[in-house]
Amino acid sequence: MAGKSLGKILIIQTAFLGDVILATGVIEKIHTHFPESKIDFLLRKGNESLFNNHPIINEVFVLDKKKKYSHLLKLIKDIRARGYDLVVNVQRHFTTGLITALSGSDLTVGFKSNPMSFAFNNKIQHDFKGYHEIERNHKLIEWFTDDLPSRPRLYPGKENFEKIKSFVNKGKYICIAPASIWFTKQFPPERWIELISKLPERFRIYLLGSKSDYKLCEGIQNQLEKKDIVNLSGKLDLLDSAALMQKAVINLVNDSAPMHIASAMNASTCVIYCSTIPQFGYGPLSDNSLILEVTEGMTCRPCGLHGRTNCPEKHFNCAYQIDLQPLFTYIDNTSLI
């Protein structure tokens, strides 16, 4: 890298929301070492609002995976026209590998497990065990930065904090994101109801999620009519939610994207792990964080790297047998601060 100018840099991560958030650590580290560089980002359609008013990101490219090859070819053409000095591919899929290989950049880096890695200038081993995802991602840029990964970070703007001001000003509150795309990653609704019913009355509860999560949250809310609960599902965008979570007493989440939003805001977090485990390397990164999971060994857990649509053993004990008391103890101690 000696003498190499990095005026224009493209980072590629077109996976799901949580993966993009974790990849923001790469943005932070590169910017620290090359503050004058223009950094662009390629992500999948639906995640672009994460970078609204981002102080570091110059331009956002959007890959619409539902469109045909004509869209992909136009995207590659647009990327080639930028004349990037460096392309960093954080993903291990063929499409992003193809984009990297055809980017026109003289300097490209990605993981060896990408099917197109033979066309990259630098190929890095993706070591799954024993590393957090931000450490795995950092290996891609370690050779021209340093050996310390940066935490992910999001940047809600003034408009986001203004939008959530009325919720914050009503007193201390707890945010809960009860949904997950995967059944075995989602703490069951009846267990969320049990948990919320035991939370101190002095805290208002905000239920967070997308529009598709509204009915789940409404069902939980309706079972707890005596609680001060507000269903905000579908009413806040990603950066609004990030701003609200930052100021919460604690955020209660599954092993899912809201956990990574909390990490990016360094917000107090409790993550409930059902079928998956934190050892996969996607755990919370906030200074104040708590993990709840079954404490007794279960031979069927984890049942996969990602979630499943149902419990293979039909009992879902990895969710139903989680002890909630450590959370209440944590909240009691936190609320004294």
C-alpha atoms as a PDB file:
ATOM      1  CA  MET A   1       0.000   0.000   0.000  1.00  0.00           C
ATOM      2  CA  ALA A   2       3.009   2.282   0.276  1.00  0.00           C
ATOM      3  CA  GLY A   3       2.514   5.276  -2.001  1.00  0.00           C
ATOM      4  CA  LYS A   4      -0.928   4.080  -3.112  1.00  0.00           C
ATOM      5  CA  SER A   5      -3.533   6.847  -3.328  1.00  0.00           C
ATOM      6  CA  LEU A   6      -6.991   5.911  -2.060  1.00  0.00           C
ATOM      7  CA  GLY A   7      -9.072   8.789  -3.280  1.00  0.00           C
ATOM      8  CA  LYS A   8     -12.150   6.672  -4.036  1.00  0.00           C
ATOM      9  CA  ILE A   9     -13.186   3.558  -2.129  1.00  0.00           C
ATOM     10  CA  LEU A  10     -16.214   1.279  -2.558  1.00  0.00           C
ATOM     11  CA  ILE A  11     -17.423  -1.062   0.188  1.00  0.00           C
ATOM     12  CA  ILE A  12     -19.827  -3.850  -0.797  1.00  0.00           C
ATOM     13  CA  GLN A  13     -22.258  -5.591   1.557  1.00  0.00           C
ATOM     14  CA  THR A  14     -25.607  -6.537   0.006  1.00  0.00           C
ATOM     15  CA  ALA A  15     -26.765  -8.977   2.699  1.00  0.00           C
ATOM     16  CA  PHE A  16     -29.441  -8.290   5.282  1.00  0.00           C
ATOM     17  CA  LEU A  17     -29.814  -5.275   7.556  1.00  0.00           C
ATOM     18  CA  GLY A  18     -27.737  -6.589  10.464  1.00  0.00           C
ATOM     19  CA  ASP A  19     -24.840  -7.503   8.184  1.00  0.00           C
ATOM     20  CA  VAL A  20     -24.788  -3.993   6.715  1.00  0.00           C
ATOM     21  CA  ILE A  21     -24.761  -2.439  10.182  1.00  0.00           C
ATOM     22  CA  LEU A  22     -21.823  -4.612  11.258  1.00  0.00           C
ATOM     23  CA  ALA A  23     -19.977  -3.627   8.061  1.00  0.00           C
ATOM     24  CA  THR A  24     -20.094   0.026   9.126  1.00  0.00           C
ATOM     25  CA  GLY A  25     -17.102  -0.751  11.315  1.00  0.00           C
ATOM     26  CA  VAL A  26     -15.106  -1.037   8.080  1.00  0.00           C
ATOM     27  CA  ILE A  27     -16.266   2.462   7.110  1.00  0.00           C
ATOM     28  CA  GLU A  28     -15.122   3.857  10.448  1.00  0.00           C
ATOM     29  CA  LYS A  29     -11.672   2.265  10.307  1.00  0.00           C
ATOM     30  CA  ILE A  30     -10.922   3.260   6.710  1.00  0.00           C
ATOM     31  CA  HIS A  31     -12.049   6.813   7.389  1.00  0.00           C
ATOM     32  CA  THR A  32      -9.735   6.997  10.409  1.00  0.00           C
ATOM     33  CA  HIS A  33      -6.729   6.096   8.272  1.00  0.00           C
ATOM     34  CA  PHE A  34      -7.773   7.867   5.062  1.00  0.00           C
ATOM     35  CA  PRO A  35      -9.962  10.793   6.160  1.00  0.00           C
ATOM     36  CA  GLU A  36      -9.698  12.532   2.774  1.00  0.00           C
ATOM     37  CA  SER A  37     -10.945   9.523   0.797  1.00  0.00           C
ATOM     38  CA  LYS A  38     -14.428   9.423  -0.663  1.00  0.00           C
ATOM     39  CA  ILE A  39     -16.116   6.251   0.576  1.00  0.00           C
ATOM     40  CA  ASP A  40     -19.128   4.816  -1.255  1.00  0.00           C
ATOM     41  CA  PHE A  41     -21.256   1.838  -0.232  1.00  0.00           C
ATOM     42  CA  LEU A  42     -23.209  -0.786  -2.175  1.00  0.00           C
ATOM     43  CA  LEU A  43     -26.115  -2.463  -0.364  1.00  0.00           C
ATOM     44  CA  ARG A  44     -29.376  -4.226  -1.147  1.00  0.00           C
ATOM     45  CA  LYS A  45     -32.617  -2.367  -1.749  1.00  0.00           C
ATOM     46  CA  GLY A  46     -34.437  -1.603   1.496  1.00  0.00           C
ATOM     47  CA  ASN A  47     -31.362  -0.815   3.584  1.00  0.00           C
ATOM     48  CA  GLU A  48     -30.370   2.489   1.995  1.00  0.00           C
ATOM     49  CA  SER A  49     -32.046   4.652   4.666  1.00  0.00           C
ATOM     50  CA  LEU A  50     -29.340   3.558   7.108  1.00  0.00           C
ATOM     51  CA  PHE A  51     -27.009   6.042   5.445  1.00  0.00           C
ATOM     52  CA  ASN A  52     -29.300   9.056   5.251  1.00  0.00           C
ATOM     53  CA  ASN A  53     -27.179  12.130   6.053  1.00  0.00           C
ATOM     54  CA  HIS A  54     -24.202   9.897   6.877  1.00  0.00           C
ATOM     55  CA  PRO A  55     -21.170  12.150   7.528  1.00  0.00           C
ATOM     56  CA  ILE A  56     -18.671   9.749   5.957  1.00  0.00           C
ATOM     57  CA  ILE A  57     -20.481   7.978   3.116  1.00  0.00           C
ATOM     58  CA  ASN A  58     -20.297   9.899  -0.153  1.00  0.00           C
ATOM     59  CA  GLU A  59     -22.653   7.879  -2.366  1.00  0.00           C
ATOM     60  CA  VAL A  60     -24.885   4.846  -1.890  1.00  0.00           C
ATOM     61  CA  PHE A  61     -25.446   2.259  -4.636  1.00  0.00           C
ATOM     62  CA  VAL A  62     -28.495   0.022  -4.389  1.00  0.00           C
ATOM     63  CA  LEU A  63     -28.709  -3.532  -5.702  1.00  0.00           C
ATOM     64  CA  ASP A  64     -32.297  -4.575  -6.338  1.00  0.00           C
ATOM     65  CA  LYS A  65     -32.121  -8.358  -6.230  1.00  0.00           C
ATOM     66  CA  LYS A  66     -35.639  -8.660  -7.618  1.00  0.00           C
ATOM     67  CA  LYS A  67     -34.675  -7.017 -10.900  1.00  0.00           C
ATOM     68  CA  LYS A  68     -33.135  -8.790 -13.881  1.00  0.00           C
ATOM     69  CA  TYR A  69     -29.612  -8.790 -15.248  1.00  0.00           C
ATOM     70  CA  SER A  70     -30.096  -5.460 -17.035  1.00  0.00           C
ATOM     71  CA  HIS A  71     -30.148  -3.763 -13.625  1.00  0.00           C
ATOM     72  CA  LEU A  72     -26.955  -5.552 -12.576  1.00  0.00           C
ATOM     73  CA  LEU A  73     -25.172  -4.604 -15.787  1.00  0.00           C
ATOM     74  CA  LYS A  74     -26.164  -0.951 -15.375  1.00  0.00           C
ATOM     75  CA  LEU A  75     -24.964  -1.029 -11.762  1.00  0.00           C
ATOM     76  CA  ILE A  76     -21.580  -2.433 -12.818  1.00  0.00           C
ATOM     77  CA  LYS A  77     -21.322   0.219 -15.522  1.00  0.00           C
ATOM     78  CA  ASP A  78     -22.045   2.984 -12.999  1.00  0.00           C
ATOM     79  CA  ILE A  79     -19.442   1.583 -10.611  1.00  0.00           C
ATOM     80  CA  ARG A  80     -16.796   1.314 -13.330  1.00  0.00           C
ATOM     81  CA  ALA A  81     -17.452   4.946 -14.257  1.00  0.00           C
ATOM     82  CA  ARG A  82     -16.436   6.075 -10.764  1.00  0.00           C
ATOM     83  CA  GLY A  83     -12.848   4.833 -11.142  1.00  0.00           C
ATOM     84  CA  TYR A  84     -12.377   3.376  -7.686  1.00  0.00           C
ATOM     85  CA  ASP A  85      -8.883   3.047  -6.239  1.00  0.00           C
ATOM     86  CA  LEU A  86     -10.040   0.268  -3.904  1.00  0.00           C
ATOM     87  CA  VAL A  87     -13.048  -2.067  -3.719  1.00  0.00           C
ATOM     88  CA  VAL A  88     -13.644  -3.954  -0.459  1.00  0.00           C
ATOM     89  CA  ASN A  89     -16.142  -6.818  -0.783  1.00  0.00           C
ATOM     90  CA  VAL A  90     -17.446  -7.863   2.645  1.00  0.00           C
ATOM     91  CA  GLN A  91     -19.801 -10.489   1.226  1.00  0.00           C
ATOM     92  CA  ARG A  92     -19.121 -14.008  -0.005  1.00  0.00           C
ATOM     93  CA  HIS A  93     -21.716 -14.366  -2.771  1.00  0.00           C
ATOM     94  CA  PHE A  94     -21.209 -14.680  -6.524  1.00  0.00           C
ATOM     95  CA  THR A  95     -23.044 -11.502  -7.525  1.00  0.00           C
ATOM     96  CA  THR A  96     -20.944  -9.227  -5.334  1.00  0.00           C
ATOM     97  CA  GLY A  97     -17.845 -11.081  -6.463  1.00  0.00           C
ATOM     98  CA  LEU A  98     -18.763 -10.404 -10.072  1.00  0.00           C
ATOM     99  CA  ILE A  99     -19.326  -6.723  -9.331  1.00  0.00           C
ATOM    100  CA  THR A 100     -15.940  -6.563  -7.606  1.00  0.00           C
ATOM    101  CA  ALA A 101     -14.151  -8.331 -10.451  1.00  0.00           C
ATOM    102  CA  LEU A 102     -15.728  -6.042 -13.068  1.00  0.00           C
ATOM    103  CA  SER A 103     -15.437  -2.840 -11.013  1.00  0.00           C
ATOM    104  CA  GLY A 104     -12.422  -1.640 -12.985  1.00  0.00           C
ATOM    105  CA  SER A 105     -10.452  -1.042  -9.795  1.00  0.00           C
ATOM    106  CA  ASP A 106      -6.777  -1.984  -9.785  1.00  0.00           C
ATOM    107  CA  LEU A 107      -7.040  -2.939  -6.116  1.00  0.00           C
ATOM    108  CA  THR A 108      -9.743  -5.329  -4.909  1.00  0.00           C
ATOM    109  CA  VAL A 109     -10.072  -7.388  -1.742  1.00  0.00           C
ATOM    110  CA  GLY A 110     -12.566  -9.986  -0.590  1.00  0.00           C
ATOM    111  CA  PHE A 111     -12.901 -13.337   1.145  1.00  0.00           C
ATOM    112  CA  LYS A 112     -11.374 -16.467  -0.385  1.00  0.00           C
ATOM    113  CA  SER A 113     -14.747 -18.222  -0.095  1.00  0.00           C
ATOM    114  CA  ASN A 114     -16.311 -15.837  -2.608  1.00  0.00           C
ATOM    115  CA  PRO A 115     -16.762 -17.789  -5.880  1.00  0.00           C
ATOM    116  CA  MET A 116     -15.103 -14.924  -7.784  1.00  0.00           C
ATOM    117  CA  SER A 117     -12.154 -14.488  -5.415  1.00  0.00           C
ATOM    118  CA  PHE A 118      -9.731 -15.719  -8.094  1.00  0.00           C
ATOM    119  CA  ALA A 119     -10.221 -12.315  -9.725  1.00  0.00           C
ATOM    120  CA  PHE A 120      -9.440 -10.312  -6.551  1.00  0.00           C
ATOM    121  CA  ASN A 121      -6.013  -8.820  -5.906  1.00  0.00           C
ATOM    122  CA  ASN A 122      -6.192  -9.757  -2.239  1.00  0.00           C
ATOM    123  CA  LYS A 123      -7.973 -12.793  -0.841  1.00  0.00           C
ATOM    124  CA  ILE A 124      -8.551 -13.119   2.908  1.00  0.00           C
ATOM    125  CA  GLN A 125      -9.468 -16.299   4.774  1.00  0.00           C
ATOM    126  CA  HIS A 126     -12.906 -16.106   6.394  1.00  0.00           C
ATOM    127  CA  ASP A 127     -12.327 -17.676   9.827  1.00  0.00           C
ATOM    128  CA  PHE A 128     -15.734 -18.327  11.300  1.00  0.00           C
ATOM    129  CA  LYS A 129     -14.927 -19.830  14.696  1.00  0.00           C
ATOM    130  CA  GLY A 130     -13.537 -17.722  17.503  1.00  0.00           C
ATOM    131  CA  TYR A 131     -14.151 -14.312  15.938  1.00  0.00           C
ATOM    132  CA  HIS A 132     -16.865 -11.700  16.037  1.00  0.00           C
ATOM    133  CA  GLU A 133     -18.197 -10.620  12.645  1.00  0.00           C
ATOM    134  CA  ILE A 134     -16.571  -7.191  12.965  1.00  0.00           C
ATOM    135  CA  GLU A 135     -13.219  -8.971  13.439  1.00  0.00           C
ATOM    136  CA  ARG A 136     -13.807 -11.135  10.377  1.00  0.00           C
ATOM    137  CA  ASN A 137     -14.710  -8.060   8.341  1.00  0.00           C
ATOM    138  CA  HIS A 138     -11.700  -6.162   9.656  1.00  0.00           C
ATOM    139  CA  LYS A 139      -9.323  -8.828   8.302  1.00  0.00           C
ATOM    140  CA  LEU A 140     -10.134  -7.464   4.844  1.00  0.00           C
ATOM    141  CA  ILE A 141      -8.571  -4.080   5.645  1.00  0.00           C
ATOM    142  CA  GLU A 142      -6.113  -4.960   8.390  1.00  0.00           C
ATOM    143  CA  TRP A 143      -3.221  -5.086   5.925  1.00  0.00           C
ATOM    144  CA  PHE A 144      -3.512  -1.370   5.158  1.00  0.00           C
ATOM    145  CA  THR A 145      -4.973  -0.006   8.419  1.00  0.00           C
ATOM    146  CA  ASP A 146      -4.143  -1.634  11.770  1.00  0.00           C
ATOM    147  CA  ASP A 147      -5.029  -4.725  13.802  1.00  0.00           C
ATOM    148  CA  LEU A 148      -7.870  -3.212  15.853  1.00  0.00           C
ATOM    149  CA  PRO A 149     -11.425  -3.458  14.422  1.00  0.00           C
ATOM    150  CA  SER A 150     -13.751  -0.484  14.776  1.00  0.00           C
ATOM    151  CA  ARG A 151     -17.217  -0.839  16.197  1.00  0.00           C
ATOM    152  CA  PRO A 152     -20.224  -0.363  13.920  1.00  0.00           C
ATOM    153  CA  ARG A 153     -21.818   3.059  14.062  1.00  0.00           C
ATOM    154  CA  LEU A 154     -25.000   4.716  12.841  1.00  0.00           C
ATOM    155  CA  TYR A 155     -25.668   8.446  12.582  1.00  0.00           C
ATOM    156  CA  PRO A 156     -29.267   9.502  13.252  1.00  0.00           C
ATOM    157  CA  GLY A 157     -29.749  13.142  12.265  1.00  0.00           C
ATOM    158  CA  LYS A 158     -31.441  16.064  13.969  1.00  0.00           C
ATOM    159  CA  GLU A 159     -34.717  15.163  12.286  1.00  0.00           C
ATOM    160  CA  ASN A 160     -34.592  11.669  13.799  1.00  0.00           C
ATOM    161  CA  PHE A 161     -33.996  12.935  17.331  1.00  0.00           C
ATOM    162  CA  GLU A 162     -36.705  15.540  16.831  1.00  0.00           C
ATOM    163  CA  LYS A 163     -39.177  12.851  15.767  1.00  0.00           C
ATOM    164  CA  ILE A 164     -38.620  10.763  18.911  1.00  0.00           C
ATOM    165  CA  LYS A 165     -38.409  13.717  21.329  1.00  0.00           C
ATOM    166  CA  SER A 166     -41.988  13.347  22.544  1.00  0.00           C
ATOM    167  CA  PHE A 167     -41.390   9.679  23.404  1.00  0.00           C
ATOM    168  CA  VAL A 168     -38.153  10.424  25.245  1.00  0.00           C
ATOM    169  CA  ASN A 169     -39.629  13.313  27.226  1.00  0.00           C
ATOM    170  CA  LYS A 170     -42.312  11.135  28.825  1.00  0.00           C
ATOM    171  CA  GLY A 171     -39.794   9.610  31.254  1.00  0.00           C
ATOM    172  CA  LYS A 172     -37.645   6.493  31.483  1.00  0.00           C
ATOM    173  CA  TYR A 173     -38.519   3.774  29.002  1.00  0.00           C
ATOM    174  CA  ILE A 174     -37.584   0.353  27.666  1.00  0.00           C
ATOM    175  CA  CYS A 175     -37.575  -0.558  23.971  1.00  0.00           C
ATOM    176  CA  ILE A 176     -38.601  -4.055  22.920  1.00  0.00           C
ATOM    177  CA  ALA A 177     -38.225  -5.463  19.398  1.00  0.00           C
ATOM    178  CA  PRO A 178     -40.087  -8.795  19.691  1.00  0.00           C
ATOM    179  CA  ALA A 179     -40.023  -9.946  16.066  1.00  0.00           C
ATOM    180  CA  SER A 180     -37.583 -11.900  13.937  1.00  0.00           C
ATOM    181  CA  ILE A 181     -37.754 -13.215  10.383  1.00  0.00           C
ATOM    182  CA  TRP A 182     -36.926 -16.677  11.731  1.00  0.00           C
ATOM    183  CA  PHE A 183     -39.258 -18.554  14.081  1.00  0.00           C
ATOM    184  CA  THR A 184     -36.457 -20.156  16.124  1.00  0.00           C
ATOM    185  CA  LYS A 185     -34.723 -16.802  16.661  1.00  0.00           C
ATOM    186  CA  GLN A 186     -37.874 -15.158  18.011  1.00  0.00           C
ATOM    187  CA  PHE A 187     -38.723 -15.300  21.682  1.00  0.00           C
ATOM    188  CA  PRO A 188     -42.347 -16.568  21.727  1.00  0.00           C
ATOM    189  CA  PRO A 189     -45.138 -13.964  22.151  1.00  0.00           C
ATOM    190  CA  GLU A 190     -46.382 -15.590  25.372  1.00  0.00           C
ATOM    191  CA  ARG A 191     -42.894 -15.340  26.849  1.00  0.00           C
ATOM    192  CA  TRP A 192     -42.653 -11.664  25.841  1.00  0.00           C
ATOM    193  CA  ILE A 193     -45.968 -11.159  27.633  1.00  0.00           C
ATOM    194  CA  GLU A 194     -44.587 -12.928  30.709  1.00  0.00           C
ATOM    195  CA  LEU A 195     -41.440 -10.795  30.598  1.00  0.00           C
ATOM    196  CA  ILE A 196     -43.214  -7.469  30.134  1.00  0.00           C
ATOM    197  CA  SER A 197     -45.726  -8.228  32.890  1.00  0.00           C
ATOM    198  CA  LYS A 198     -42.853  -8.424  35.373  1.00  0.00           C
ATOM    199  CA  LEU A 199     -41.086  -5.224  34.319  1.00  0.00           C
ATOM    200  CA  PRO A 200     -41.208  -2.322  36.799  1.00  0.00           C
ATOM    201  CA  GLU A 201     -44.302  -0.164  36.345  1.00  0.00           C
ATOM    202  CA  ARG A 202     -42.210   3.015  36.335  1.00  0.00           C
ATOM    203  CA  PHE A 203     -40.939   2.276  32.825  1.00  0.00           C
ATOM    204  CA  ARG A 204     -42.949   2.986  29.695  1.00  0.00           C
ATOM    205  CA  ILE A 205     -42.615   0.251  27.039  1.00  0.00           C
ATOM    206  CA  TYR A 206     -42.067   1.016  23.346  1.00  0.00           C
ATOM    207  CA  LEU A 207     -42.588  -1.897  20.950  1.00  0.00           C
ATOM    208  CA  LEU A 208     -40.460  -1.526  17.835  1.00  0.00           C
ATOM    209  CA  GLY A 209     -40.565  -3.228  14.454  1.00  0.00           C
ATOM    210  CA  SER A 210     -41.552  -2.894  10.815  1.00  0.00           C
ATOM    211  CA  LYS A 211     -45.092  -2.623   9.448  1.00  0.00           C
ATOM    212  CA  SER A 212     -45.184  -6.408   9.151  1.00  0.00           C
ATOM    213  CA  ASP A 213     -44.547  -6.706  12.902  1.00  0.00           C
ATOM    214  CA  TYR A 214     -47.530  -4.548  13.876  1.00  0.00           C
ATOM    215  CA  LYS A 215     -49.967  -7.416  14.524  1.00  0.00           C
ATOM    216  CA  LEU A 216     -47.438  -9.293  16.662  1.00  0.00           C
ATOM    217  CA  CYS A 217     -46.838  -6.179  18.761  1.00  0.00           C
ATOM    218  CA  GLU A 218     -50.557  -5.413  18.917  1.00  0.00           C
ATOM    219  CA  GLY A 219     -51.255  -8.919  20.192  1.00  0.00           C
ATOM    220  CA  ILE A 220     -48.666  -8.489  22.947  1.00  0.00           C
ATOM    221  CA  GLN A 221     -50.009  -5.046  23.830  1.00  0.00           C
ATOM    222  CA  ASN A 222     -53.611  -6.270  24.027  1.00  0.00           C
ATOM    223  CA  GLN A 223     -52.664  -8.908  26.573  1.00  0.00           C
ATOM    224  CA  LEU A 224     -51.104  -6.280  28.827  1.00  0.00           C
ATOM    225  CA  GLU A 225     -53.742  -3.560  28.955  1.00  0.00           C
ATOM    226  CA  LYS A 226     -52.669  -2.365  32.395  1.00  0.00           C
ATOM    227  CA  LYS A 227     -49.145  -1.644  31.196  1.00  0.00           C
ATOM    228  CA  ASP A 228     -47.962   1.664  29.721  1.00  0.00           C
ATOM    229  CA  ILE A 229     -47.169   0.252  26.287  1.00  0.00           C
ATOM    230  CA  VAL A 230     -46.944   2.056  22.952  1.00  0.00           C
ATOM    231  CA  ASN A 231     -46.842   0.106  19.683  1.00  0.00           C
ATOM    232  CA  LEU A 232     -44.496   1.957  17.317  1.00  0.00           C
ATOM    233  CA  SER A 233     -44.182  -0.805  14.727  1.00  0.00           C
ATOM    234  CA  GLY A 234     -44.093   0.713  11.260  1.00  0.00           C
ATOM    235  CA  LYS A 235     -44.154   4.250  12.644  1.00  0.00           C
ATOM    236  CA  LEU A 236     -40.406   4.844  12.902  1.00  0.00           C
ATOM    237  CA  ASP A 237     -37.729   4.417  10.253  1.00  0.00           C
ATOM    238  CA  LEU A 238     -34.413   2.727  11.007  1.00  0.00           C
ATOM    239  CA  LEU A 239     -32.597   5.849  12.183  1.00  0.00           C
ATOM    240  CA  ASP A 240     -35.605   6.988  14.242  1.00  0.00           C
ATOM    241  CA  SER A 241     -35.505   3.638  16.020  1.00  0.00           C
ATOM    242  CA  ALA A 242     -31.743   3.928  16.504  1.00  0.00           C
ATOM    243  CA  ALA A 243     -32.172   7.326  18.144  1.00  0.00           C
ATOM    244  CA  LEU A 244     -34.915   6.028  20.442  1.00  0.00           C
ATOM    245  CA  MET A 245     -32.926   2.929  21.409  1.00  0.00           C
ATOM    246  CA  GLN A 246     -29.879   5.008  22.298  1.00  0.00           C
ATOM    247  CA  LYS A 247     -31.732   6.722  25.148  1.00  0.00           C
ATOM    248  CA  ALA A 248     -33.570   3.667  26.510  1.00  0.00           C
ATOM    249  CA  VAL A 249     -32.886   2.219  29.965  1.00  0.00           C
ATOM    250  CA  ILE A 250     -32.419  -1.062  28.113  1.00  0.00           C
ATOM    251  CA  ASN A 251     -33.339  -2.565  24.749  1.00  0.00           C
ATOM    252  CA  LEU A 252     -34.759  -6.095  24.734  1.00  0.00           C
ATOM    253  CA  VAL A 253     -34.143  -7.854  21.431  1.00  0.00           C
ATOM    254  CA  ASN A 254     -33.754 -11.213  19.719  1.00  0.00           C
ATOM    255  CA  ASP A 255     -30.633 -12.321  17.881  1.00  0.00           C
ATOM    256  CA  SER A 256     -31.631 -10.071  14.985  1.00  0.00           C
ATOM    257  CA  ALA A 257     -31.096  -6.670  13.350  1.00  0.00           C
ATOM    258  CA  PRO A 258     -32.299  -4.549  16.328  1.00  0.00           C
ATOM    259  CA  MET A 259     -29.434  -6.016  18.358  1.00  0.00           C
ATOM    260  CA  HIS A 260     -26.979  -4.626  15.808  1.00  0.00           C
ATOM    261  CA  ILE A 261     -28.742  -1.259  15.769  1.00  0.00           C
ATOM    262  CA  ALA A 262     -28.271  -1.123  19.551  1.00  0.00           C
ATOM    263  CA  SER A 263     -24.593  -2.037  19.148  1.00  0.00           C
ATOM    264  CA  ALA A 264     -24.114   0.722  16.581  1.00  0.00           C
ATOM    265  CA  MET A 265     -25.600   3.222  19.056  1.00  0.00           C
ATOM    266  CA  ASN A 266     -23.729   1.728  22.048  1.00  0.00           C
ATOM    267  CA  ALA A 267     -27.129   1.390  23.697  1.00  0.00           C
ATOM    268  CA  SER A 268     -27.826  -0.764  26.759  1.00  0.00           C
ATOM    269  CA  THR A 269     -28.997  -4.131  25.450  1.00  0.00           C
ATOM    270  CA  CYS A 270     -30.331  -7.515  26.490  1.00  0.00           C
ATOM    271  CA  VAL A 271     -30.238 -10.147  23.757  1.00  0.00           C
ATOM    272  CA  ILE A 272     -32.373 -13.264  24.051  1.00  0.00           C
ATOM    273  CA  TYR A 273     -30.827 -16.218  22.233  1.00  0.00           C
ATOM    274  CA  CYS A 274     -33.118 -19.096  21.408  1.00  0.00           C
ATOM    275  CA  SER A 275     -31.837 -21.547  18.771  1.00  0.00           C
ATOM    276  CA  THR A 276     -28.662 -19.637  17.893  1.00  0.00           C
ATOM    277  CA  ILE A 277     -25.672 -18.878  20.129  1.00  0.00           C
ATOM    278  CA  PRO A 278     -23.439 -15.817  20.635  1.00  0.00           C
ATOM    279  CA  GLN A 279     -20.381 -17.919  19.776  1.00  0.00           C
ATOM    280  CA  PHE A 280     -21.355 -17.617  16.113  1.00  0.00           C
ATOM    281  CA  GLY A 281     -19.830 -14.142  16.310  1.00  0.00           C
ATOM    282  CA  TYR A 282     -22.851 -11.895  15.996  1.00  0.00           C
ATOM    283  CA  GLY A 283     -23.256 -10.954  19.654  1.00  0.00           C
ATOM    284  CA  PRO A 284     -23.916  -7.529  21.202  1.00  0.00           C
ATOM    285  CA  LEU A 285     -21.098  -4.975  21.227  1.00  0.00           C
ATOM    286  CA  SER A 286     -22.547  -2.314  23.539  1.00  0.00           C
ATOM    287  CA  ASP A 287     -20.603  -1.447  26.677  1.00  0.00           C
ATOM    288  CA  ASN A 288     -23.647  -2.445  28.742  1.00  0.00           C
ATOM    289  CA  SER A 289     -25.092  -5.692  27.462  1.00  0.00           C
ATOM    290  CA  LEU A 290     -26.650  -8.851  28.816  1.00  0.00           C
ATOM    291  CA  ILE A 291     -27.270 -12.202  27.173  1.00  0.00           C
ATOM    292  CA  LEU A 292     -30.132 -14.517  28.119  1.00  0.00           C
ATOM    293  CA  GLU A 293     -30.063 -18.133  26.966  1.00  0.00           C
ATOM    294  CA  VAL A 294     -30.732 -21.584  28.345  1.00  0.00           C
ATOM    295  CA  THR A 295     -28.108 -22.423  30.951  1.00  0.00           C
ATOM    296  CA  GLU A 296     -28.433 -26.201  30.827  1.00  0.00           C
ATOM    297  CA  GLY A 297     -26.876 -28.012  27.906  1.00  0.00           C
ATOM    298  CA  MET A 298     -29.197 -28.915  25.057  1.00  0.00           C
ATOM    299  CA  THR A 299     -27.873 -31.405  22.532  1.00  0.00           C
ATOM    300  CA  CYS A 300     -30.083 -29.901  19.811  1.00  0.00           C
ATOM    301  CA  ARG A 301     -28.819 -26.328  20.284  1.00  0.00           C
ATOM    302  CA  PRO A 302     -27.723 -24.654  18.124  1.00  0.00           C
ATOM    303  CA  CYS A 303     -29.790 -26.258  15.394  1.00  0.00           C
ATOM    304  CA  GLY A 304     -28.206 -24.109  12.686  1.00  0.00           C
ATOM    305  CA  LEU A 305     -26.190 -21.005  11.924  1.00  0.00           C
ATOM    306  CA  HIS A 306     -29.314 -19.057  11.030  1.00  0.00           C
ATOM    307  CA  GLY A 307     -32.844 -19.400  12.309  1.00  0.00           C
ATOM    308  CA  ARG A 308     -35.369 -22.017  11.207  1.00  0.00           C
ATOM    309  CA  THR A 309     -39.042 -21.800  10.326  1.00  0.00           C
ATOM    310  CA  ASN A 310     -39.873 -24.237  13.139  1.00  0.00           C
ATOM    311  CA  CYS A 311     -38.237 -26.199  15.932  1.00  0.00           C
ATOM    312  CA  PRO A 312     -36.850 -29.476  14.516  1.00  0.00           C
ATOM    313  CA  GLU A 313     -37.524 -31.181  17.867  1.00  0.00           C
ATOM    314  CA  LYS A 314     -41.065 -29.718  18.150  1.00  0.00           C
ATOM    315  CA  HIS A 315     -40.544 -28.454  21.735  1.00  0.00           C
ATOM    316  CA  PHE A 316     -38.663 -25.128  21.312  1.00  0.00           C
ATOM    317  CA  ASN A 317     -37.214 -25.525  24.808  1.00  0.00           C
ATOM    318  CA  CYS A 318     -34.288 -23.257  23.908  1.00  0.00           C
ATOM    319  CA  ALA A 319     -36.856 -20.454  24.199  1.00  0.00           C
ATOM    320  CA  TYR A 320     -39.303 -21.752  26.773  1.00  0.00           C
ATOM    321  CA  GLN A 321     -36.652 -22.722  29.335  1.00  0.00           C
ATOM    322  CA  ILE A 322     -34.792 -19.382  29.451  1.00  0.00           C
ATOM    323  CA  ASP A 323     -34.614 -17.931  32.968  1.00  0.00           C
ATOM    324  CA  LEU A 324     -35.642 -14.256  32.966  1.00  0.00           C
ATOM    325  CA  GLN A 325     -34.496 -13.373  36.479  1.00  0.00           C
ATOM    326  CA  PRO A 326     -31.005 -12.138  35.442  1.00  0.00           C
ATOM    327  CA  LEU A 327     -32.736  -9.474  33.335  1.00  0.00           C
ATOM    328  CA  PHE A 328     -34.814  -8.146  36.229  1.00  0.00           C
ATOM    329  CA  THR A 329     -31.740  -8.067  38.457  1.00  0.00           C
ATOM    330  CA  TYR A 330     -29.845  -6.168  35.762  1.00  0.00           C
ATOM    331  CA  ILE A 331     -32.650  -3.644  35.340  1.00  0.00           C
ATOM    332  CA  ASP A 332     -32.873  -3.062  39.107  1.00  0.00           C
ATOM    333  CA  ASN A 333     -29.140  -2.352  39.244  1.00  0.00           C
ATOM    334  CA  THR A 334     -29.170  -0.185  36.101  1.00  0.00           C
ATOM    335  CA  SER A 335     -32.097   1.946  37.204  1.00  0.00           C
ATOM    336  CA  LEU A 336     -30.189   3.027  40.315  1.00  0.00           C
ATOM    337  CA  ILE A 337     -27.631   4.903  38.214  1.00  0.00           C
END
